[in-house]
Amino acid sequence: MTDVILCDDHALIRRGIRDTLSDAADIRVVGEAGDYGELRTLMRTTRCDVLVLDINLPGRSGLDVLHALKEEGSPVKVLVVSMYPEDQYAIRALRAGAFGYVNKGGDPQLIVQAVRTVAQGRKYVTPEIAQMLVESLTAPAPENAHQTLSDRELQTLVLIASGKRLSDIADELSLSPKTVSVYRARVLEKLALANNAELTVYAIRNGLVRD
């Protein structure tokens, strides 16, 4: 039996994933969390084989969770399930320690297949991700400028483009406003943008946020 914990800030989506996984006789959902804090508390008391994790969490992101688990040497296998298309976050998530990446808009049964695959300690990638991995090995430079951003810089970009003020971002990420301003400045410099308006347009055009 494969024990699974779900972490997504949308209860309706968690329910859909839980119902899909519950149809599989060899998979059991043993806990759910809506954010990083709830997840950390849950994982102290509940053992699981696979963590099904959303990238876009309030506060510390799914990428933060991946880095934290990797630093701790956690044996839990992480399957990222996200609304973002593979070309935006899949390779970044895999590099951060994820064992697989599934788009929420795909066939629900792919999640069942992916959970079974990562529970066995094997990577789960779609043909699209496999192609991107091959291209990343041969490409001389990132195709999109935002691929050069650090995880925290990318998170800052997405939050600003979503309409959040720097003070709100600081509270959400548990950082000082000055630190967030530094990340913003780095993003603007790396993307050759002048202000938040241009940053927002860039994020929408590249599918980093929904318009």
C-alpha atoms as a PDB file:
ATOM      1  CA  MET A   1       0.000   0.000   0.000  1.00  0.00           C
ATOM      2  CA  THR A   2       1.288   3.459  -0.935  1.00  0.00           C
ATOM      3  CA  ASP A   3       0.473   6.144   1.638  1.00  0.00           C
ATOM      4  CA  VAL A   4      -0.005   9.640   0.207  1.00  0.00           C
ATOM      5  CA  ILE A   5      -0.253  13.143   1.668  1.00  0.00           C
ATOM      6  CA  LEU A   6      -1.855  15.891  -0.422  1.00  0.00           C
ATOM      7  CA  CYS A   7      -0.751  19.530  -0.189  1.00  0.00           C
ATOM      8  CA  ASP A   8      -2.762  22.093  -2.138  1.00  0.00           C
ATOM      9  CA  ASP A   9      -4.338  25.326  -0.939  1.00  0.00           C
ATOM     10  CA  HIS A  10      -7.599  24.648  -2.806  1.00  0.00           C
ATOM     11  CA  ALA A  11      -9.821  22.210  -0.893  1.00  0.00           C
ATOM     12  CA  LEU A  12     -11.853  21.407  -4.015  1.00  0.00           C
ATOM     13  CA  ILE A  13      -8.757  20.367  -5.936  1.00  0.00           C
ATOM     14  CA  ARG A  14      -7.547  18.262  -3.006  1.00  0.00           C
ATOM     15  CA  ARG A  15     -10.903  16.520  -2.966  1.00  0.00           C
ATOM     16  CA  GLY A  16     -10.702  15.778  -6.686  1.00  0.00           C
ATOM     17  CA  ILE A  17      -7.219  14.321  -6.372  1.00  0.00           C
ATOM     18  CA  ARG A  18      -8.196  12.370  -3.263  1.00  0.00           C
ATOM     19  CA  ASP A  19     -11.237  10.877  -5.019  1.00  0.00           C
ATOM     20  CA  THR A  20      -9.109   9.934  -8.030  1.00  0.00           C
ATOM     21  CA  LEU A  21      -6.455   8.249  -5.898  1.00  0.00           C
ATOM     22  CA  SER A  22      -9.052   6.529  -3.701  1.00  0.00           C
ATOM     23  CA  ASP A  23     -10.262   4.577  -6.725  1.00  0.00           C
ATOM     24  CA  ALA A  24      -6.878   2.826  -6.796  1.00  0.00           C
ATOM     25  CA  ALA A  25      -6.812  -0.168  -4.433  1.00  0.00           C
ATOM     26  CA  ASP A  26      -3.080   0.180  -3.789  1.00  0.00           C
ATOM     27  CA  ILE A  27      -3.077   3.891  -2.846  1.00  0.00           C
ATOM     28  CA  ARG A  28      -4.281   5.424   0.420  1.00  0.00           C
ATOM     29  CA  VAL A  29      -4.535   9.166   1.200  1.00  0.00           C
ATOM     30  CA  VAL A  30      -3.472   9.534   4.844  1.00  0.00           C
ATOM     31  CA  GLY A  31      -3.511  13.314   5.226  1.00  0.00           C
ATOM     32  CA  GLU A  32      -4.105  16.712   3.627  1.00  0.00           C
ATOM     33  CA  ALA A  33      -2.590  20.170   4.064  1.00  0.00           C
ATOM     34  CA  GLY A  34      -3.381  23.594   2.649  1.00  0.00           C
ATOM     35  CA  ASP A  35      -0.040  25.317   3.123  1.00  0.00           C
ATOM     36  CA  TYR A  36       3.577  24.828   4.200  1.00  0.00           C
ATOM     37  CA  GLY A  37       2.843  25.194   7.922  1.00  0.00           C
ATOM     38  CA  GLU A  38       0.051  22.627   7.909  1.00  0.00           C
ATOM     39  CA  LEU A  39       2.203  20.270   5.863  1.00  0.00           C
ATOM     40  CA  ARG A  40       5.159  20.457   8.245  1.00  0.00           C
ATOM     41  CA  THR A  41       2.906  19.794  11.246  1.00  0.00           C
ATOM     42  CA  LEU A  42       1.229  16.879   9.478  1.00  0.00           C
ATOM     43  CA  MET A  43       4.485  15.271   8.378  1.00  0.00           C
ATOM     44  CA  ARG A  44       5.770  15.218  11.963  1.00  0.00           C
ATOM     45  CA  THR A  45       2.999  12.818  12.960  1.00  0.00           C
ATOM     46  CA  THR A  46       1.954  11.089   9.743  1.00  0.00           C
ATOM     47  CA  ARG A  47       4.162   8.811   7.700  1.00  0.00           C
ATOM     48  CA  CYS A  48       3.790   8.818   3.922  1.00  0.00           C
ATOM     49  CA  ASP A  49       5.540   7.369   0.893  1.00  0.00           C
ATOM     50  CA  VAL A  50       4.532  10.060  -1.596  1.00  0.00           C
ATOM     51  CA  LEU A  51       3.754  13.743  -1.179  1.00  0.00           C
ATOM     52  CA  VAL A  52       1.506  15.162  -3.904  1.00  0.00           C
ATOM     53  CA  LEU A  53       2.467  18.825  -3.876  1.00  0.00           C
ATOM     54  CA  ASP A  54       1.211  21.977  -5.578  1.00  0.00           C
ATOM     55  CA  ILE A  55       3.804  24.562  -6.653  1.00  0.00           C
ATOM     56  CA  ASN A  56       1.631  27.602  -5.935  1.00  0.00           C
ATOM     57  CA  LEU A  57       1.127  27.613  -2.155  1.00  0.00           C
ATOM     58  CA  PRO A  58       0.507  30.633   0.084  1.00  0.00           C
ATOM     59  CA  GLY A  59       3.620  31.719   1.930  1.00  0.00           C
ATOM     60  CA  ARG A  60       6.461  29.320   1.190  1.00  0.00           C
ATOM     61  CA  SER A  61       6.019  27.793  -2.242  1.00  0.00           C
ATOM     62  CA  GLY A  62       6.149  24.182  -3.333  1.00  0.00           C
ATOM     63  CA  LEU A  63       9.707  24.798  -4.486  1.00  0.00           C
ATOM     64  CA  ASP A  64      10.552  25.865  -0.929  1.00  0.00           C
ATOM     65  CA  VAL A  65       9.064  22.601   0.334  1.00  0.00           C
ATOM     66  CA  LEU A  66      11.187  20.628  -2.123  1.00  0.00           C
ATOM     67  CA  HIS A  67      14.376  22.382  -1.027  1.00  0.00           C
ATOM     68  CA  ALA A  68      13.533  21.893   2.662  1.00  0.00           C
ATOM     69  CA  LEU A  69      12.862  18.164   2.264  1.00  0.00           C
ATOM     70  CA  LYS A  70      16.044  17.748   0.240  1.00  0.00           C
ATOM     71  CA  GLU A  71      18.127  19.507   2.894  1.00  0.00           C
ATOM     72  CA  GLU A  72      16.598  17.296   5.599  1.00  0.00           C
ATOM     73  CA  GLY A  73      17.339  14.128   3.643  1.00  0.00           C
ATOM     74  CA  SER A  74      13.663  13.159   3.759  1.00  0.00           C
ATOM     75  CA  PRO A  75      12.876   9.785   2.143  1.00  0.00           C
ATOM     76  CA  VAL A  76       9.466  11.030   0.974  1.00  0.00           C
ATOM     77  CA  LYS A  77       9.043  11.025  -2.796  1.00  0.00           C
ATOM     78  CA  VAL A  78       7.443  14.220  -4.104  1.00  0.00           C
ATOM     79  CA  LEU A  79       5.090  14.395  -7.078  1.00  0.00           C
ATOM     80  CA  VAL A  80       4.375  17.967  -8.141  1.00  0.00           C
ATOM     81  CA  VAL A  81       0.868  18.547  -9.485  1.00  0.00           C
ATOM     82  CA  SER A  82       0.426  22.060 -10.833  1.00  0.00           C
ATOM     83  CA  MET A  83      -1.856  24.223 -12.961  1.00  0.00           C
ATOM     84  CA  TYR A  84       1.237  25.660 -14.648  1.00  0.00           C
ATOM     85  CA  PRO A  85       2.308  24.086 -17.957  1.00  0.00           C
ATOM     86  CA  GLU A  86       5.334  21.847 -17.990  1.00  0.00           C
ATOM     87  CA  ASP A  87       7.559  24.355 -19.759  1.00  0.00           C
ATOM     88  CA  GLN A  88       7.328  26.813 -16.845  1.00  0.00           C
ATOM     89  CA  TYR A  89       8.106  24.760 -13.749  1.00  0.00           C
ATOM     90  CA  ALA A  90       8.709  21.077 -14.521  1.00  0.00           C
ATOM     91  CA  ILE A  91      12.489  21.132 -14.943  1.00  0.00           C
ATOM     92  CA  ARG A  92      12.877  23.592 -12.067  1.00  0.00           C
ATOM     93  CA  ALA A  93      10.852  21.265  -9.805  1.00  0.00           C
ATOM     94  CA  LEU A  94      12.809  18.182 -10.867  1.00  0.00           C
ATOM     95  CA  ARG A  95      16.098  19.943 -10.200  1.00  0.00           C
ATOM     96  CA  ALA A  96      14.805  20.884  -6.750  1.00  0.00           C
ATOM     97  CA  GLY A  97      14.216  17.227  -5.924  1.00  0.00           C
ATOM     98  CA  ALA A  98      10.770  16.297  -7.260  1.00  0.00           C
ATOM     99  CA  PHE A  99      10.341  12.779  -8.612  1.00  0.00           C
ATOM    100  CA  GLY A 100       7.663  13.798 -11.094  1.00  0.00           C
ATOM    101  CA  TYR A 101       5.508  16.593 -12.478  1.00  0.00           C
ATOM    102  CA  VAL A 102       1.886  16.380 -13.631  1.00  0.00           C
ATOM    103  CA  ASN A 103      -0.302  19.152 -15.012  1.00  0.00           C
ATOM    104  CA  LYS A 104      -3.679  19.454 -13.266  1.00  0.00           C
ATOM    105  CA  GLY A 105      -5.362  19.940 -16.623  1.00  0.00           C
ATOM    106  CA  GLY A 106      -4.365  16.465 -17.836  1.00  0.00           C
ATOM    107  CA  ASP A 107      -6.040  13.080 -17.532  1.00  0.00           C
ATOM    108  CA  PRO A 108      -6.716  12.388 -13.808  1.00  0.00           C
ATOM    109  CA  GLN A 109      -5.523   8.822 -14.259  1.00  0.00           C
ATOM    110  CA  LEU A 110      -2.060  10.169 -14.990  1.00  0.00           C
ATOM    111  CA  ILE A 111      -1.840  11.147 -11.331  1.00  0.00           C
ATOM    112  CA  VAL A 112      -2.491   7.542 -10.297  1.00  0.00           C
ATOM    113  CA  GLN A 113       0.175   6.315 -12.710  1.00  0.00           C
ATOM    114  CA  ALA A 114       2.592   8.988 -11.520  1.00  0.00           C
ATOM    115  CA  VAL A 115       2.089   8.174  -7.817  1.00  0.00           C
ATOM    116  CA  ARG A 116       2.775   4.492  -8.499  1.00  0.00           C
ATOM    117  CA  THR A 117       5.898   5.343 -10.477  1.00  0.00           C
ATOM    118  CA  VAL A 118       7.482   7.698  -7.921  1.00  0.00           C
ATOM    119  CA  ALA A 119       6.549   5.372  -5.031  1.00  0.00           C
ATOM    120  CA  GLN A 120       8.883   2.847  -6.667  1.00  0.00           C
ATOM    121  CA  GLY A 121      11.680   5.416  -6.605  1.00  0.00           C
ATOM    122  CA  ARG A 122      11.509   6.113 -10.334  1.00  0.00           C
ATOM    123  CA  LYS A 123      11.093   9.486 -12.035  1.00  0.00           C
ATOM    124  CA  TYR A 124       7.794  10.238 -13.724  1.00  0.00           C
ATOM    125  CA  VAL A 125       8.015  12.545 -16.722  1.00  0.00           C
ATOM    126  CA  THR A 126       5.654  13.081 -19.626  1.00  0.00           C
ATOM    127  CA  PRO A 127       6.984  12.940 -23.209  1.00  0.00           C
ATOM    128  CA  GLU A 128       6.887  16.766 -23.221  1.00  0.00           C
ATOM    129  CA  ILE A 129       9.097  16.993 -20.132  1.00  0.00           C
ATOM    130  CA  ALA A 130      11.454  14.339 -21.489  1.00  0.00           C
ATOM    131  CA  GLN A 131      11.904  16.421 -24.638  1.00  0.00           C
ATOM    132  CA  MET A 132      12.586  19.559 -22.584  1.00  0.00           C
ATOM    133  CA  LEU A 133      15.177  17.692 -20.512  1.00  0.00           C
ATOM    134  CA  VAL A 134      16.973  16.599 -23.660  1.00  0.00           C
ATOM    135  CA  GLU A 135      16.886  20.127 -25.046  1.00  0.00           C
ATOM    136  CA  SER A 136      18.165  21.567 -21.752  1.00  0.00           C
ATOM    137  CA  LEU A 137      21.235  19.364 -22.039  1.00  0.00           C
ATOM    138  CA  THR A 138      22.107  20.650 -25.499  1.00  0.00           C
ATOM    139  CA  ALA A 139      20.836  24.247 -25.405  1.00  0.00           C
ATOM    140  CA  PRO A 140      23.661  26.802 -25.100  1.00  0.00           C
ATOM    141  CA  ALA A 141      21.502  29.185 -23.056  1.00  0.00           C
ATOM    142  CA  PRO A 142      18.011  29.367 -21.511  1.00  0.00           C
ATOM    143  CA  GLU A 143      15.322  30.015 -24.110  1.00  0.00           C
ATOM    144  CA  ASN A 144      13.358  32.281 -21.766  1.00  0.00           C
ATOM    145  CA  ALA A 145      14.967  34.970 -19.644  1.00  0.00           C
ATOM    146  CA  HIS A 146      13.012  33.989 -16.521  1.00  0.00           C
ATOM    147  CA  GLN A 147      14.750  30.602 -16.537  1.00  0.00           C
ATOM    148  CA  THR A 148      17.833  32.431 -15.258  1.00  0.00           C
ATOM    149  CA  LEU A 149      15.979  33.555 -12.118  1.00  0.00           C
ATOM    150  CA  SER A 150      16.493  31.849  -8.785  1.00  0.00           C
ATOM    151  CA  ASP A 151      13.482  30.140  -7.226  1.00  0.00           C
ATOM    152  CA  ARG A 152      12.938  33.071  -4.829  1.00  0.00           C
ATOM    153  CA  GLU A 153      13.289  35.619  -7.641  1.00  0.00           C
ATOM    154  CA  LEU A 154      10.756  33.718  -9.732  1.00  0.00           C
ATOM    155  CA  GLN A 155       8.375  33.562  -6.779  1.00  0.00           C
ATOM    156  CA  THR A 156       8.732  37.328  -6.291  1.00  0.00           C
ATOM    157  CA  LEU A 157       8.035  37.890  -9.985  1.00  0.00           C
ATOM    158  CA  VAL A 158       4.862  35.821  -9.874  1.00  0.00           C
ATOM    159  CA  LEU A 159       3.563  37.507  -6.728  1.00  0.00           C
ATOM    160  CA  ILE A 160       4.187  41.032  -8.052  1.00  0.00           C
ATOM    161  CA  ALA A 161       2.532  40.121 -11.350  1.00  0.00           C
ATOM    162  CA  SER A 162      -0.436  38.772  -9.362  1.00  0.00           C
ATOM    163  CA  GLY A 163      -0.992  42.255  -7.935  1.00  0.00           C
ATOM    164  CA  LYS A 164       0.651  41.827  -4.534  1.00  0.00           C
ATOM    165  CA  ARG A 165       2.369  44.808  -2.886  1.00  0.00           C
ATOM    166  CA  LEU A 166       5.946  44.407  -1.687  1.00  0.00           C
ATOM    167  CA  SER A 167       4.818  44.629   1.940  1.00  0.00           C
ATOM    168  CA  ASP A 168       2.275  41.850   1.341  1.00  0.00           C
ATOM    169  CA  ILE A 169       4.904  39.728  -0.364  1.00  0.00           C
ATOM    170  CA  ALA A 170       7.271  40.272   2.544  1.00  0.00           C
ATOM    171  CA  ASP A 171       4.631  39.064   5.005  1.00  0.00           C
ATOM    172  CA  GLU A 172       3.710  36.082   2.831  1.00  0.00           C
ATOM    173  CA  LEU A 173       7.294  34.944   2.380  1.00  0.00           C
ATOM    174  CA  SER A 174       8.408  35.826   5.921  1.00  0.00           C
ATOM    175  CA  LEU A 175      11.033  38.217   4.561  1.00  0.00           C
ATOM    176  CA  SER A 176      11.825  41.854   5.199  1.00  0.00           C
ATOM    177  CA  PRO A 177      10.451  44.425   2.695  1.00  0.00           C
ATOM    178  CA  LYS A 178      14.066  45.385   1.965  1.00  0.00           C
ATOM    179  CA  THR A 179      14.909  41.815   0.961  1.00  0.00           C
ATOM    180  CA  VAL A 180      11.866  41.619  -1.307  1.00  0.00           C
ATOM    181  CA  SER A 181      12.933  44.903  -2.904  1.00  0.00           C
ATOM    182  CA  VAL A 182      16.335  43.376  -3.622  1.00  0.00           C
ATOM    183  CA  TYR A 183      14.698  40.370  -5.304  1.00  0.00           C
ATOM    184  CA  ARG A 184      12.487  42.725  -7.343  1.00  0.00           C
ATOM    185  CA  ALA A 185      15.519  44.721  -8.471  1.00  0.00           C
ATOM    186  CA  ARG A 186      17.309  41.537  -9.518  1.00  0.00           C
ATOM    187  CA  VAL A 187      14.261  40.390 -11.499  1.00  0.00           C
ATOM    188  CA  LEU A 188      13.960  43.703 -13.316  1.00  0.00           C
ATOM    189  CA  GLU A 189      17.669  43.668 -14.144  1.00  0.00           C
ATOM    190  CA  LYS A 190      17.770  40.058 -15.367  1.00  0.00           C
ATOM    191  CA  LEU A 191      14.641  40.476 -17.498  1.00  0.00           C
ATOM    192  CA  ALA A 192      15.650  43.951 -18.737  1.00  0.00           C
ATOM    193  CA  LEU A 193      12.374  45.453 -17.502  1.00  0.00           C
ATOM    194  CA  ALA A 194      11.741  48.941 -16.142  1.00  0.00           C
ATOM    195  CA  ASN A 195       8.814  48.642 -13.736  1.00  0.00           C
ATOM    196  CA  ASN A 196       6.059  46.469 -12.287  1.00  0.00           C
ATOM    197  CA  ALA A 197       3.771  47.069 -15.259  1.00  0.00           C
ATOM    198  CA  GLU A 198       6.328  45.648 -17.686  1.00  0.00           C
ATOM    199  CA  LEU A 199       7.009  42.830 -15.256  1.00  0.00           C
ATOM    200  CA  THR A 200       3.311  41.939 -15.154  1.00  0.00           C
ATOM    201  CA  VAL A 201       3.016  41.955 -18.935  1.00  0.00           C
ATOM    202  CA  TYR A 202       6.078  39.696 -19.172  1.00  0.00           C
ATOM    203  CA  ALA A 203       4.629  37.232 -16.651  1.00  0.00           C
ATOM    204  CA  ILE A 204       1.286  37.032 -18.483  1.00  0.00           C
ATOM    205  CA  ARG A 205       2.875  36.615 -21.901  1.00  0.00           C
ATOM    206  CA  ASN A 206       5.050  33.789 -20.625  1.00  0.00           C
ATOM    207  CA  GLY A 207       2.262  31.958 -18.820  1.00  0.00           C
ATOM    208  CA  LEU A 208       3.645  32.553 -15.340  1.00  0.00           C
ATOM    209  CA  VAL A 209       0.345  33.993 -14.115  1.00  0.00           C
ATOM    210  CA  ARG A 210      -3.185  33.979 -15.411  1.00  0.00           C
ATOM    211  CA  ASP A 211      -4.455  37.171 -17.005  1.00  0.00           C
END
